[in-house]
Amino acid sequence: MKWSSPEDEIDFGMLPLIRHLGFDNVADYIQNFKHDEAFLLRPNATSTWLVPVASCAVYVVLVFALPQFLKKTNAFHLSLLLPIWNLFLTILSVFMSAGILPSLLNYPYTHGPFNTFCDPTRMRFDGPVGFWLWVFLLSKYLELLDTLWLILRKKSVIFLHWYHHATVIFLFTALFYYRAITGAHSAAVNSAIHVIMYWYFYRVESGAKLWWGFILTALQIMQMIAGLVANGFFMHYRMQGINCSSDWAVLTFSLSYAIIGSYFVLFVLFFRKRWLMKREVRKEKTQ
């Protein structure tokens, strides 16, 4: 099968819009993005493990220390900031989803179903898709601020929240750095769900009363199931001796299964506590 280069692929993402807005240099950089040694050696969030390790260490310390430091202060309302923040992350998620998801959906038609889960060329980490995968990784650092807003408002930070925010940085740093194709799948689905999630948060922070929060949690559970299935295909091919995309296959597979598996369990427990148990309580009150 003849493999086309990222520059020859039909663009399904945001490049036409970016060029239309007059940012041709940005569009050229995205089009010619290379996930190679030269890129990894330049100072960025993937050039050294010190960045994710230090960021997550500081983050976890602040999760527990900052509420104690602010114990005697009044809660910040952030009524103007939070709608803007969530709308910004909604728009960013739209860009990332549009930059990654359509190309992956088109991949079975251009390269065959097998190469959807096994990408020996690692080409999907170059060009527009590779660029948006890099932006997706950087967005995980931005999302750490979600926890800060909770703490400033004197809201409880549950284990699922801070554990997810801390570990997802490690997971996607490894998947991106070692070019595991399952990282592209996870980023595509996650960014699409985050469009819905942050739009939901934007509407709620704007004063709307929404009934479909349980659907959002169900989608997150389905995302974890999809991630586990994709990793299963990936490792199945590797065990057959097929050179699927990933420089450290066992590491990326083990890390993905451990972290995504833990997310699945935690989101199921959250769904039960947040939605099912509440319905049971309401039924008991009406009887």
C-alpha atoms as a PDB file:
ATOM      1  CA  MET A   1       0.000   0.000   0.000  1.00  0.00           C
ATOM      2  CA  LYS A   2       1.315   3.442  -0.900  1.00  0.00           C
ATOM      3  CA  TRP A   3       1.487   5.790   2.033  1.00  0.00           C
ATOM      4  CA  SER A   4       0.859   9.477   1.454  1.00  0.00           C
ATOM      5  CA  SER A   5       2.722  12.103   3.404  1.00  0.00           C
ATOM      6  CA  PRO A   6       0.926  14.413   5.834  1.00  0.00           C
ATOM      7  CA  GLU A   7       1.369  17.284   3.389  1.00  0.00           C
ATOM      8  CA  ASP A   8      -0.489  15.302   0.708  1.00  0.00           C
ATOM      9  CA  GLU A   9      -3.413  14.379   2.950  1.00  0.00           C
ATOM     10  CA  ILE A  10      -6.706  16.166   2.404  1.00  0.00           C
ATOM     11  CA  ASP A  11      -7.165  18.622   5.235  1.00  0.00           C
ATOM     12  CA  PHE A  12     -10.327  18.043   7.241  1.00  0.00           C
ATOM     13  CA  GLY A  13      -9.412  20.368  10.079  1.00  0.00           C
ATOM     14  CA  MET A  14      -9.032  24.059  10.734  1.00  0.00           C
ATOM     15  CA  LEU A  15      -6.397  25.026   8.159  1.00  0.00           C
ATOM     16  CA  PRO A  16      -8.844  26.648   5.677  1.00  0.00           C
ATOM     17  CA  LEU A  17     -10.309  28.767   8.481  1.00  0.00           C
ATOM     18  CA  ILE A  18      -6.864  29.769   9.768  1.00  0.00           C
ATOM     19  CA  ARG A  19      -5.770  30.783   6.266  1.00  0.00           C
ATOM     20  CA  HIS A  20      -9.033  32.641   5.714  1.00  0.00           C
ATOM     21  CA  LEU A  21      -8.338  34.665   8.862  1.00  0.00           C
ATOM     22  CA  GLY A  22      -5.002  35.692   7.366  1.00  0.00           C
ATOM     23  CA  PHE A  23      -2.652  33.600   9.483  1.00  0.00           C
ATOM     24  CA  ASP A  24      -0.820  31.945   6.608  1.00  0.00           C
ATOM     25  CA  ASN A  25       2.420  31.507   8.579  1.00  0.00           C
ATOM     26  CA  VAL A  26       0.553  29.678  11.341  1.00  0.00           C
ATOM     27  CA  ALA A  27      -1.213  27.492   8.783  1.00  0.00           C
ATOM     28  CA  ASP A  28       2.114  26.662   7.094  1.00  0.00           C
ATOM     29  CA  TYR A  29       3.634  25.690  10.453  1.00  0.00           C
ATOM     30  CA  ILE A  30       0.684  23.413  11.202  1.00  0.00           C
ATOM     31  CA  GLN A  31       0.782  21.871   7.737  1.00  0.00           C
ATOM     32  CA  ASN A  32       4.517  21.167   7.960  1.00  0.00           C
ATOM     33  CA  PHE A  33       4.613  20.162  11.634  1.00  0.00           C
ATOM     34  CA  LYS A  34       7.182  17.423  12.289  1.00  0.00           C
ATOM     35  CA  HIS A  35       7.225  15.204  15.359  1.00  0.00           C
ATOM     36  CA  ASP A  36      10.914  14.416  15.108  1.00  0.00           C
ATOM     37  CA  GLU A  37      14.041  14.555  17.233  1.00  0.00           C
ATOM     38  CA  ALA A  38      14.612  18.210  16.411  1.00  0.00           C
ATOM     39  CA  PHE A  39      11.153  19.113  17.724  1.00  0.00           C
ATOM     40  CA  LEU A  40      11.513  17.022  20.875  1.00  0.00           C
ATOM     41  CA  LEU A  41      14.878  18.616  21.671  1.00  0.00           C
ATOM     42  CA  ARG A  42      13.489  22.145  21.478  1.00  0.00           C
ATOM     43  CA  PRO A  43      12.252  23.563  24.811  1.00  0.00           C
ATOM     44  CA  ASN A  44       8.591  22.546  25.120  1.00  0.00           C
ATOM     45  CA  ALA A  45       6.337  20.443  27.342  1.00  0.00           C
ATOM     46  CA  THR A  46       7.548  17.228  25.689  1.00  0.00           C
ATOM     47  CA  SER A  47      11.286  17.904  25.595  1.00  0.00           C
ATOM     48  CA  THR A  48      11.882  16.590  29.134  1.00  0.00           C
ATOM     49  CA  TRP A  49       9.962  14.580  31.714  1.00  0.00           C
ATOM     50  CA  LEU A  50      10.872  17.271  34.238  1.00  0.00           C
ATOM     51  CA  VAL A  51       7.989  19.450  32.991  1.00  0.00           C
ATOM     52  CA  PRO A  52       5.113  16.989  33.613  1.00  0.00           C
ATOM     53  CA  VAL A  53       6.694  15.620  36.803  1.00  0.00           C
ATOM     54  CA  ALA A  54       7.272  19.058  38.323  1.00  0.00           C
ATOM     55  CA  SER A  55       3.881  20.374  37.164  1.00  0.00           C
ATOM     56  CA  CYS A  56       1.968  17.450  38.628  1.00  0.00           C
ATOM     57  CA  ALA A  57       3.951  17.517  41.872  1.00  0.00           C
ATOM     58  CA  VAL A  58       3.208  21.209  42.386  1.00  0.00           C
ATOM     59  CA  TYR A  59      -0.413  20.639  41.376  1.00  0.00           C
ATOM     60  CA  VAL A  60      -0.999  17.844  43.916  1.00  0.00           C
ATOM     61  CA  VAL A  61       0.661  19.846  46.703  1.00  0.00           C
ATOM     62  CA  LEU A  62      -1.549  22.856  45.947  1.00  0.00           C
ATOM     63  CA  VAL A  63      -4.693  20.705  45.863  1.00  0.00           C
ATOM     64  CA  PHE A  64      -4.173  19.988  49.562  1.00  0.00           C
ATOM     65  CA  ALA A  65      -2.217  23.035  50.718  1.00  0.00           C
ATOM     66  CA  LEU A  66      -4.098  25.887  49.055  1.00  0.00           C
ATOM     67  CA  PRO A  67      -7.489  25.207  50.746  1.00  0.00           C
ATOM     68  CA  GLN A  68      -5.727  25.327  54.118  1.00  0.00           C
ATOM     69  CA  PHE A  69      -3.976  28.574  53.193  1.00  0.00           C
ATOM     70  CA  LEU A  70      -7.310  30.139  52.144  1.00  0.00           C
ATOM     71  CA  LYS A  71      -9.230  28.730  55.086  1.00  0.00           C
ATOM     72  CA  LYS A  72      -9.945  32.127  56.679  1.00  0.00           C
ATOM     73  CA  THR A  73     -10.714  33.944  53.445  1.00  0.00           C
ATOM     74  CA  ASN A  74     -14.126  34.330  51.843  1.00  0.00           C
ATOM     75  CA  ALA A  75     -15.025  32.350  48.746  1.00  0.00           C
ATOM     76  CA  PHE A  76     -14.380  34.009  45.388  1.00  0.00           C
ATOM     77  CA  HIS A  77     -17.480  34.053  43.183  1.00  0.00           C
ATOM     78  CA  LEU A  78     -15.751  34.246  39.780  1.00  0.00           C
ATOM     79  CA  SER A  79     -19.154  34.772  38.177  1.00  0.00           C
ATOM     80  CA  LEU A  80     -17.672  36.706  35.257  1.00  0.00           C
ATOM     81  CA  LEU A  81     -14.493  34.671  34.801  1.00  0.00           C
ATOM     82  CA  LEU A  82     -15.935  31.141  34.716  1.00  0.00           C
ATOM     83  CA  PRO A  83     -18.352  31.546  31.785  1.00  0.00           C
ATOM     84  CA  ILE A  84     -15.533  33.106  29.742  1.00  0.00           C
ATOM     85  CA  TRP A  85     -13.095  30.376  30.804  1.00  0.00           C
ATOM     86  CA  ASN A  86     -15.442  27.532  29.915  1.00  0.00           C
ATOM     87  CA  LEU A  87     -16.394  29.141  26.623  1.00  0.00           C
ATOM     88  CA  PHE A  88     -12.700  29.498  25.776  1.00  0.00           C
ATOM     89  CA  LEU A  89     -12.076  25.801  26.500  1.00  0.00           C
ATOM     90  CA  THR A  90     -15.152  24.907  24.456  1.00  0.00           C
ATOM     91  CA  ILE A  91     -13.758  26.762  21.437  1.00  0.00           C
ATOM     92  CA  LEU A  92     -10.279  25.288  21.958  1.00  0.00           C
ATOM     93  CA  SER A  93     -11.817  21.804  22.113  1.00  0.00           C
ATOM     94  CA  VAL A  94     -13.668  22.484  18.862  1.00  0.00           C
ATOM     95  CA  PHE A  95     -10.377  23.352  17.170  1.00  0.00           C
ATOM     96  CA  MET A  96      -8.624  20.262  18.528  1.00  0.00           C
ATOM     97  CA  SER A  97     -11.515  17.970  17.689  1.00  0.00           C
ATOM     98  CA  ALA A  98     -11.813  19.373  14.180  1.00  0.00           C
ATOM     99  CA  GLY A  99      -8.060  19.033  13.721  1.00  0.00           C
ATOM    100  CA  ILE A 100      -7.853  15.381  14.827  1.00  0.00           C
ATOM    101  CA  LEU A 101     -11.172  13.529  14.622  1.00  0.00           C
ATOM    102  CA  PRO A 102     -12.173  13.898  10.933  1.00  0.00           C
ATOM    103  CA  SER A 103      -8.783  12.704   9.714  1.00  0.00           C
ATOM    104  CA  LEU A 104      -8.917   9.637  11.968  1.00  0.00           C
ATOM    105  CA  LEU A 105     -12.453   8.827  10.820  1.00  0.00           C
ATOM    106  CA  ASN A 106     -11.268   9.057   7.216  1.00  0.00           C
ATOM    107  CA  TYR A 107      -8.219   6.884   7.895  1.00  0.00           C
ATOM    108  CA  PRO A 108      -9.896   3.460   7.432  1.00  0.00           C
ATOM    109  CA  TYR A 109     -10.938   4.533   3.919  1.00  0.00           C
ATOM    110  CA  THR A 110      -7.524   5.862   2.899  1.00  0.00           C
ATOM    111  CA  HIS A 111      -5.239   3.343   4.628  1.00  0.00           C
ATOM    112  CA  GLY A 112      -7.458   0.399   5.610  1.00  0.00           C
ATOM    113  CA  PRO A 113      -9.056  -0.675   8.918  1.00  0.00           C
ATOM    114  CA  PHE A 114      -5.895  -2.435  10.131  1.00  0.00           C
ATOM    115  CA  ASN A 115      -3.861   0.762  10.070  1.00  0.00           C
ATOM    116  CA  THR A 116      -6.510   2.552  12.116  1.00  0.00           C
ATOM    117  CA  PHE A 117      -5.186   0.748  15.199  1.00  0.00           C
ATOM    118  CA  CYS A 118      -1.679   0.010  13.956  1.00  0.00           C
ATOM    119  CA  ASP A 119       0.262   2.832  12.294  1.00  0.00           C
ATOM    120  CA  PRO A 120       3.750   1.552  11.434  1.00  0.00           C
ATOM    121  CA  THR A 121       4.720   4.773   9.657  1.00  0.00           C
ATOM    122  CA  ARG A 122       3.880   6.997  12.660  1.00  0.00           C
ATOM    123  CA  MET A 123       2.826   9.603  10.096  1.00  0.00           C
ATOM    124  CA  ARG A 124      -0.166  10.710  12.123  1.00  0.00           C
ATOM    125  CA  PHE A 125       2.203  12.493  14.476  1.00  0.00           C
ATOM    126  CA  ASP A 126       3.301  14.768  11.642  1.00  0.00           C
ATOM    127  CA  GLY A 127       1.332  17.431   9.816  1.00  0.00           C
ATOM    128  CA  PRO A 128      -1.933  18.983  11.088  1.00  0.00           C
ATOM    129  CA  VAL A 129      -2.988  15.976  13.175  1.00  0.00           C
ATOM    130  CA  GLY A 130       0.386  15.873  14.922  1.00  0.00           C
ATOM    131  CA  PHE A 131       0.188  19.597  15.634  1.00  0.00           C
ATOM    132  CA  TRP A 132      -3.257  19.335  17.198  1.00  0.00           C
ATOM    133  CA  LEU A 133      -2.133  16.341  19.254  1.00  0.00           C
ATOM    134  CA  TRP A 134       0.627  18.557  20.624  1.00  0.00           C
ATOM    135  CA  VAL A 135      -1.893  21.328  21.364  1.00  0.00           C
ATOM    136  CA  PHE A 136      -4.093  18.713  23.043  1.00  0.00           C
ATOM    137  CA  LEU A 137      -1.239  17.780  25.365  1.00  0.00           C
ATOM    138  CA  LEU A 138      -0.599  21.435  26.205  1.00  0.00           C
ATOM    139  CA  SER A 139      -4.314  21.934  26.907  1.00  0.00           C
ATOM    140  CA  LYS A 140      -4.060  19.420  29.758  1.00  0.00           C
ATOM    141  CA  TYR A 141      -1.829  21.926  31.571  1.00  0.00           C
ATOM    142  CA  LEU A 142      -4.389  24.675  31.006  1.00  0.00           C
ATOM    143  CA  GLU A 143      -7.142  22.492  32.432  1.00  0.00           C
ATOM    144  CA  LEU A 144      -5.311  22.319  35.753  1.00  0.00           C
ATOM    145  CA  LEU A 145      -6.785  25.756  36.375  1.00  0.00           C
ATOM    146  CA  ASP A 146     -10.208  24.091  36.686  1.00  0.00           C
ATOM    147  CA  THR A 147      -9.068  22.902  40.098  1.00  0.00           C
ATOM    148  CA  LEU A 148      -7.907  26.376  41.106  1.00  0.00           C
ATOM    149  CA  TRP A 149     -11.356  27.783  40.367  1.00  0.00           C
ATOM    150  CA  LEU A 150     -12.937  25.119  42.592  1.00  0.00           C
ATOM    151  CA  ILE A 151     -10.563  25.885  45.458  1.00  0.00           C
ATOM    152  CA  LEU A 152     -11.047  29.658  45.187  1.00  0.00           C
ATOM    153  CA  ARG A 153     -14.826  29.142  45.315  1.00  0.00           C
ATOM    154  CA  LYS A 154     -14.457  26.890  48.387  1.00  0.00           C
ATOM    155  CA  LYS A 155     -15.845  23.913  46.456  1.00  0.00           C
ATOM    156  CA  SER A 156     -14.771  20.386  47.318  1.00  0.00           C
ATOM    157  CA  VAL A 157     -12.159  18.817  45.036  1.00  0.00           C
ATOM    158  CA  ILE A 158     -13.052  15.128  44.803  1.00  0.00           C
ATOM    159  CA  PHE A 159     -10.446  12.433  44.250  1.00  0.00           C
ATOM    160  CA  LEU A 160     -11.643  11.701  40.698  1.00  0.00           C
ATOM    161  CA  HIS A 161     -11.122  15.343  39.741  1.00  0.00           C
ATOM    162  CA  TRP A 162      -7.559  15.881  40.921  1.00  0.00           C
ATOM    163  CA  TYR A 163      -6.396  12.328  40.170  1.00  0.00           C
ATOM    164  CA  HIS A 164      -7.657  12.626  36.591  1.00  0.00           C
ATOM    165  CA  HIS A 165      -6.057  16.028  36.023  1.00  0.00           C
ATOM    166  CA  ALA A 166      -2.704  14.913  37.419  1.00  0.00           C
ATOM    167  CA  THR A 167      -2.379  11.525  35.737  1.00  0.00           C
ATOM    168  CA  VAL A 168      -3.709  12.520  32.312  1.00  0.00           C
ATOM    169  CA  ILE A 169      -0.636  14.715  31.819  1.00  0.00           C
ATOM    170  CA  PHE A 170       1.659  11.740  32.397  1.00  0.00           C
ATOM    171  CA  LEU A 171      -0.441   9.539  30.114  1.00  0.00           C
ATOM    172  CA  PHE A 172      -0.553  11.877  27.127  1.00  0.00           C
ATOM    173  CA  THR A 173       3.053  12.964  27.528  1.00  0.00           C
ATOM    174  CA  ALA A 174       4.067   9.301  27.157  1.00  0.00           C
ATOM    175  CA  LEU A 175       1.636   8.636  24.289  1.00  0.00           C
ATOM    176  CA  PHE A 176       2.749  11.723  22.379  1.00  0.00           C
ATOM    177  CA  TYR A 177       6.473  11.434  23.084  1.00  0.00           C
ATOM    178  CA  TYR A 178       6.596   7.724  22.133  1.00  0.00           C
ATOM    179  CA  ARG A 179       4.141   8.189  19.235  1.00  0.00           C
ATOM    180  CA  ALA A 180       1.551   5.624  20.321  1.00  0.00           C
ATOM    181  CA  ILE A 181      -1.351   5.690  17.878  1.00  0.00           C
ATOM    182  CA  THR A 182      -3.785   5.026  20.737  1.00  0.00           C
ATOM    183  CA  GLY A 183      -2.930   8.533  21.921  1.00  0.00           C
ATOM    184  CA  ALA A 184      -4.432   9.941  18.730  1.00  0.00           C
ATOM    185  CA  HIS A 185      -7.625   7.940  19.273  1.00  0.00           C
ATOM    186  CA  SER A 186      -7.931   9.051  22.886  1.00  0.00           C
ATOM    187  CA  ALA A 187      -7.230  12.696  22.033  1.00  0.00           C
ATOM    188  CA  ALA A 188      -9.845  12.684  19.261  1.00  0.00           C
ATOM    189  CA  VAL A 189     -12.592  11.269  21.466  1.00  0.00           C
ATOM    190  CA  ASN A 190     -11.594  13.301  24.519  1.00  0.00           C
ATOM    191  CA  SER A 191     -11.519  16.625  22.676  1.00  0.00           C
ATOM    192  CA  ALA A 192     -14.926  15.903  21.126  1.00  0.00           C
ATOM    193  CA  ILE A 193     -16.444  15.106  24.531  1.00  0.00           C
ATOM    194  CA  HIS A 194     -14.799  18.184  26.007  1.00  0.00           C
ATOM    195  CA  VAL A 195     -16.658  20.325  23.482  1.00  0.00           C
ATOM    196  CA  ILE A 196     -19.882  19.061  25.081  1.00  0.00           C
ATOM    197  CA  MET A 197     -18.523  19.130  28.630  1.00  0.00           C
ATOM    198  CA  TYR A 198     -17.186  22.672  28.618  1.00  0.00           C
ATOM    199  CA  TRP A 199     -20.262  23.916  26.791  1.00  0.00           C
ATOM    200  CA  TYR A 200     -22.305  22.325  29.590  1.00  0.00           C
ATOM    201  CA  PHE A 201     -20.154  24.072  32.207  1.00  0.00           C
ATOM    202  CA  TYR A 202     -20.450  27.363  30.299  1.00  0.00           C
ATOM    203  CA  ARG A 203     -24.234  27.149  30.288  1.00  0.00           C
ATOM    204  CA  VAL A 204     -24.394  26.179  33.970  1.00  0.00           C
ATOM    205  CA  GLU A 205     -22.037  28.985  35.014  1.00  0.00           C
ATOM    206  CA  SER A 206     -24.182  31.349  32.951  1.00  0.00           C
ATOM    207  CA  GLY A 207     -27.195  30.430  35.082  1.00  0.00           C
ATOM    208  CA  ALA A 208     -28.858  27.705  33.009  1.00  0.00           C
ATOM    209  CA  LYS A 209     -30.527  24.710  34.677  1.00  0.00           C
ATOM    210  CA  LEU A 210     -29.588  21.699  32.546  1.00  0.00           C
ATOM    211  CA  TRP A 211     -31.005  18.198  32.968  1.00  0.00           C
ATOM    212  CA  TRP A 212     -28.555  16.177  30.883  1.00  0.00           C
ATOM    213  CA  GLY A 213     -25.494  16.094  33.110  1.00  0.00           C
ATOM    214  CA  PHE A 214     -25.845  12.318  33.488  1.00  0.00           C
ATOM    215  CA  ILE A 215     -25.464  11.970  29.705  1.00  0.00           C
ATOM    216  CA  LEU A 216     -22.124  13.755  29.927  1.00  0.00           C
ATOM    217  CA  THR A 217     -20.898  11.328  32.596  1.00  0.00           C
ATOM    218  CA  ALA A 218     -22.136   8.387  30.490  1.00  0.00           C
ATOM    219  CA  LEU A 219     -20.177   9.708  27.502  1.00  0.00           C
ATOM    220  CA  GLN A 220     -17.043   9.889  29.635  1.00  0.00           C
ATOM    221  CA  ILE A 221     -17.532   6.256  30.670  1.00  0.00           C
ATOM    222  CA  MET A 222     -17.991   5.270  27.015  1.00  0.00           C
ATOM    223  CA  GLN A 223     -14.766   7.145  26.225  1.00  0.00           C
ATOM    224  CA  MET A 224     -12.870   4.974  28.708  1.00  0.00           C
ATOM    225  CA  ILE A 225     -14.351   1.805  27.214  1.00  0.00           C
ATOM    226  CA  ALA A 226     -13.318   2.968  23.714  1.00  0.00           C
ATOM    227  CA  GLY A 227      -9.799   3.675  24.993  1.00  0.00           C
ATOM    228  CA  LEU A 228      -9.470   0.215  26.504  1.00  0.00           C
ATOM    229  CA  VAL A 229     -10.741  -1.419  23.292  1.00  0.00           C
ATOM    230  CA  ALA A 230      -8.319   0.589  21.118  1.00  0.00           C
ATOM    231  CA  ASN A 231      -5.431  -0.420  23.371  1.00  0.00           C
ATOM    232  CA  GLY A 232      -6.579  -4.026  23.131  1.00  0.00           C
ATOM    233  CA  PHE A 233      -6.352  -3.952  19.318  1.00  0.00           C
ATOM    234  CA  PHE A 234      -2.993  -2.227  19.526  1.00  0.00           C
ATOM    235  CA  MET A 235      -1.479  -4.813  21.860  1.00  0.00           C
ATOM    236  CA  HIS A 236      -3.071  -7.701  19.943  1.00  0.00           C
ATOM    237  CA  TYR A 237      -1.144  -6.658  16.837  1.00  0.00           C
ATOM    238  CA  ARG A 238       2.046  -6.126  18.797  1.00  0.00           C
ATOM    239  CA  MET A 239       1.812  -9.622  20.288  1.00  0.00           C
ATOM    240  CA  GLN A 240       1.598 -10.968  16.738  1.00  0.00           C
ATOM    241  CA  GLY A 241       4.938  -9.340  16.009  1.00  0.00           C
ATOM    242  CA  ILE A 242       3.497  -6.482  13.960  1.00  0.00           C
ATOM    243  CA  ASN A 243       5.385  -3.204  14.309  1.00  0.00           C
ATOM    244  CA  CYS A 244       2.559  -0.935  15.381  1.00  0.00           C
ATOM    245  CA  SER A 245       3.169   2.707  16.122  1.00  0.00           C
ATOM    246  CA  SER A 246       4.944   3.304  19.414  1.00  0.00           C
ATOM    247  CA  ASP A 247       8.596   3.551  20.315  1.00  0.00           C
ATOM    248  CA  TRP A 248       8.012   1.960  23.732  1.00  0.00           C
ATOM    249  CA  ALA A 249       4.981  -0.270  23.129  1.00  0.00           C
ATOM    250  CA  VAL A 250       4.916  -2.145  26.444  1.00  0.00           C
ATOM    251  CA  LEU A 251       5.336   1.073  28.450  1.00  0.00           C
ATOM    252  CA  THR A 252       2.621   2.994  26.598  1.00  0.00           C
ATOM    253  CA  PHE A 253       0.244   0.024  26.604  1.00  0.00           C
ATOM    254  CA  SER A 254       0.706  -0.688  30.320  1.00  0.00           C
ATOM    255  CA  LEU A 255       0.394   2.977  31.271  1.00  0.00           C
ATOM    256  CA  SER A 256      -2.724   3.397  29.123  1.00  0.00           C
ATOM    257  CA  TYR A 257      -4.459   0.323  30.479  1.00  0.00           C
ATOM    258  CA  ALA A 258      -3.645   1.157  34.099  1.00  0.00           C
ATOM    259  CA  ILE A 259      -4.693   4.813  33.943  1.00  0.00           C
ATOM    260  CA  ILE A 260      -7.680   4.492  31.598  1.00  0.00           C
ATOM    261  CA  GLY A 261      -8.849   1.440  33.537  1.00  0.00           C
ATOM    262  CA  SER A 262      -8.734   3.424  36.777  1.00  0.00           C
ATOM    263  CA  TYR A 263     -10.674   6.264  35.100  1.00  0.00           C
ATOM    264  CA  PHE A 264     -13.344   3.775  34.034  1.00  0.00           C
ATOM    265  CA  VAL A 265     -13.813   2.487  37.580  1.00  0.00           C
ATOM    266  CA  LEU A 266     -13.856   5.982  39.101  1.00  0.00           C
ATOM    267  CA  PHE A 267     -16.324   7.385  36.554  1.00  0.00           C
ATOM    268  CA  VAL A 268     -18.659   4.417  37.040  1.00  0.00           C
ATOM    269  CA  LEU A 269     -18.581   4.970  40.810  1.00  0.00           C
ATOM    270  CA  PHE A 270     -19.139   8.700  40.274  1.00  0.00           C
ATOM    271  CA  PHE A 271     -22.085   8.010  37.953  1.00  0.00           C
ATOM    272  CA  ARG A 272     -23.656   5.734  40.539  1.00  0.00           C
ATOM    273  CA  LYS A 273     -23.196   8.202  43.389  1.00  0.00           C
ATOM    274  CA  ARG A 274     -24.004  11.390  41.450  1.00  0.00           C
ATOM    275  CA  TRP A 275     -26.945  10.216  39.397  1.00  0.00           C
ATOM    276  CA  LEU A 276     -28.327   6.782  40.331  1.00  0.00           C
ATOM    277  CA  MET A 277     -28.291   7.217  44.111  1.00  0.00           C
ATOM    278  CA  LYS A 278     -29.888  10.660  43.786  1.00  0.00           C
ATOM    279  CA  ARG A 279     -32.742   9.141  41.800  1.00  0.00           C
ATOM    280  CA  GLU A 280     -33.197   6.461  44.426  1.00  0.00           C
ATOM    281  CA  VAL A 281     -33.415   9.119  47.145  1.00  0.00           C
ATOM    282  CA  ARG A 282     -35.978  11.078  45.124  1.00  0.00           C
ATOM    283  CA  LYS A 283     -38.094   7.973  44.624  1.00  0.00           C
ATOM    284  CA  GLU A 284     -38.045   7.257  48.371  1.00  0.00           C
ATOM    285  CA  LYS A 285     -39.158  10.821  49.105  1.00  0.00           C
ATOM    286  CA  THR A 286     -42.106  10.606  46.689  1.00  0.00           C
ATOM    287  CA  GLN A 287     -43.333   7.276  48.096  1.00  0.00           C
END
